[in-house]
């Protein structure tokens, strides 16, 4: 009984792992999207959190340089 329970558990574990695989080709732009805050939000961030504004700018430039967006 224990032996069959072990095999059943192992089978389920293998099925779970197999379900996590992807067949889509990886792209360095996967997971990236352009940040486009409104003019009001940009003004607020620049006035109140310049380091974050610089990070957003770096994010946008990085995506442009990689060809993720224009």
C-alpha atoms as a PDB file:
ATOM      1  CA  UNK A   1       0.000   0.000   0.000  1.00  0.00           C
ATOM      2  CA  UNK A   2       2.789   2.429   0.887  1.00  0.00           C
ATOM      3  CA  UNK A   3       4.643   1.620  -2.303  1.00  0.00           C
ATOM      4  CA  UNK A   4       1.667   2.486  -4.498  1.00  0.00           C
ATOM      5  CA  UNK A   5       1.036   5.699  -2.544  1.00  0.00           C
ATOM      6  CA  UNK A   6       4.640   6.712  -3.143  1.00  0.00           C
ATOM      7  CA  UNK A   7       4.295   6.047  -6.880  1.00  0.00           C
ATOM      8  CA  UNK A   8       1.060   8.014  -7.042  1.00  0.00           C
ATOM      9  CA  UNK A   9       2.652  10.973  -5.231  1.00  0.00           C
ATOM     10  CA  UNK A  10       5.687  10.816  -7.522  1.00  0.00           C
ATOM     11  CA  UNK A  11       3.429  10.702 -10.595  1.00  0.00           C
ATOM     12  CA  UNK A  12       1.525  13.795  -9.453  1.00  0.00           C
ATOM     13  CA  UNK A  13       4.786  15.633  -8.757  1.00  0.00           C
ATOM     14  CA  UNK A  14       6.063  14.828 -12.250  1.00  0.00           C
ATOM     15  CA  UNK A  15       2.807  15.986 -13.810  1.00  0.00           C
ATOM     16  CA  UNK A  16       3.013  19.264 -11.911  1.00  0.00           C
ATOM     17  CA  UNK A  17       6.571  19.866 -13.098  1.00  0.00           C
ATOM     18  CA  UNK A  18       5.659  18.997 -16.682  1.00  0.00           C
ATOM     19  CA  UNK A  19       2.784  21.478 -16.555  1.00  0.00           C
ATOM     20  CA  UNK A  20       5.149  24.322 -15.669  1.00  0.00           C
ATOM     21  CA  UNK A  21       7.197  24.063 -18.842  1.00  0.00           C
ATOM     22  CA  UNK A  22       6.688  26.555 -21.611  1.00  0.00           C
ATOM     23  CA  UNK A  23       7.229  26.081 -25.309  1.00  0.00           C
ATOM     24  CA  UNK A  24       7.255  29.775 -26.163  1.00  0.00           C
ATOM     25  CA  UNK A  25      10.664  31.168 -27.109  1.00  0.00           C
ATOM     26  CA  UNK A  26      12.192  33.446 -24.506  1.00  0.00           C
ATOM     27  CA  UNK A  27      12.516  37.090 -25.432  1.00  0.00           C
ATOM     28  CA  UNK A  28      14.589  39.582 -23.492  1.00  0.00           C
ATOM     29  CA  UNK A  29      11.588  41.942 -23.577  1.00  0.00           C
ATOM     30  CA  UNK A  30       9.296  39.440 -21.843  1.00  0.00           C
ATOM     31  CA  UNK A  31       7.968  40.931 -18.645  1.00  0.00           C
ATOM     32  CA  UNK A  32       8.806  44.480 -19.672  1.00  0.00           C
ATOM     33  CA  UNK A  33       6.282  47.123 -20.515  1.00  0.00           C
ATOM     34  CA  UNK A  34       6.649  50.812 -21.089  1.00  0.00           C
ATOM     35  CA  UNK A  35       5.752  53.010 -18.144  1.00  0.00           C
ATOM     36  CA  UNK A  36       3.605  55.919 -19.245  1.00  0.00           C
ATOM     37  CA  UNK A  37       2.332  57.964 -16.290  1.00  0.00           C
ATOM     38  CA  UNK A  38       0.044  60.918 -16.894  1.00  0.00           C
ATOM     39  CA  UNK A  39       1.481  64.432 -17.050  1.00  0.00           C
ATOM     40  CA  UNK A  40       0.103  65.153 -13.575  1.00  0.00           C
ATOM     41  CA  UNK A  41       1.725  62.022 -12.138  1.00  0.00           C
ATOM     42  CA  UNK A  42       5.050  62.825 -13.833  1.00  0.00           C
ATOM     43  CA  UNK A  43       5.034  66.324 -12.357  1.00  0.00           C
ATOM     44  CA  UNK A  44       4.271  64.989  -8.885  1.00  0.00           C
ATOM     45  CA  UNK A  45       7.011  62.346  -9.055  1.00  0.00           C
ATOM     46  CA  UNK A  46       9.628  64.781 -10.350  1.00  0.00           C
ATOM     47  CA  UNK A  47       8.750  67.253  -7.596  1.00  0.00           C
ATOM     48  CA  UNK A  48       8.614  64.689  -4.778  1.00  0.00           C
ATOM     49  CA  UNK A  49      10.767  61.673  -5.683  1.00  0.00           C
ATOM     50  CA  UNK A  50      13.546  62.470  -8.140  1.00  0.00           C
ATOM     51  CA  UNK A  51      15.422  59.147  -7.644  1.00  0.00           C
ATOM     52  CA  UNK A  52      12.272  57.246  -8.676  1.00  0.00           C
ATOM     53  CA  UNK A  53      11.783  59.553 -11.660  1.00  0.00           C
ATOM     54  CA  UNK A  54      15.336  58.740 -12.749  1.00  0.00           C
ATOM     55  CA  UNK A  55      14.647  55.006 -12.374  1.00  0.00           C
ATOM     56  CA  UNK A  56      11.557  55.308 -14.568  1.00  0.00           C
ATOM     57  CA  UNK A  57      13.597  57.188 -17.170  1.00  0.00           C
ATOM     58  CA  UNK A  58      16.301  54.503 -17.062  1.00  0.00           C
ATOM     59  CA  UNK A  59      13.631  51.807 -17.452  1.00  0.00           C
ATOM     60  CA  UNK A  60      12.175  53.517 -20.520  1.00  0.00           C
ATOM     61  CA  UNK A  61      15.594  54.062 -22.109  1.00  0.00           C
ATOM     62  CA  UNK A  62      16.630  50.472 -21.454  1.00  0.00           C
ATOM     63  CA  UNK A  63      13.476  49.193 -23.163  1.00  0.00           C
ATOM     64  CA  UNK A  64      14.024  51.515 -26.111  1.00  0.00           C
ATOM     65  CA  UNK A  65      17.667  50.457 -26.464  1.00  0.00           C
ATOM     66  CA  UNK A  66      16.652  46.782 -26.427  1.00  0.00           C
ATOM     67  CA  UNK A  67      13.943  47.378 -29.044  1.00  0.00           C
ATOM     68  CA  UNK A  68      11.113  46.386 -26.705  1.00  0.00           C
ATOM     69  CA  UNK A  69       9.154  49.497 -27.682  1.00  0.00           C
ATOM     70  CA  UNK A  70       9.727  52.630 -29.690  1.00  0.00           C
END
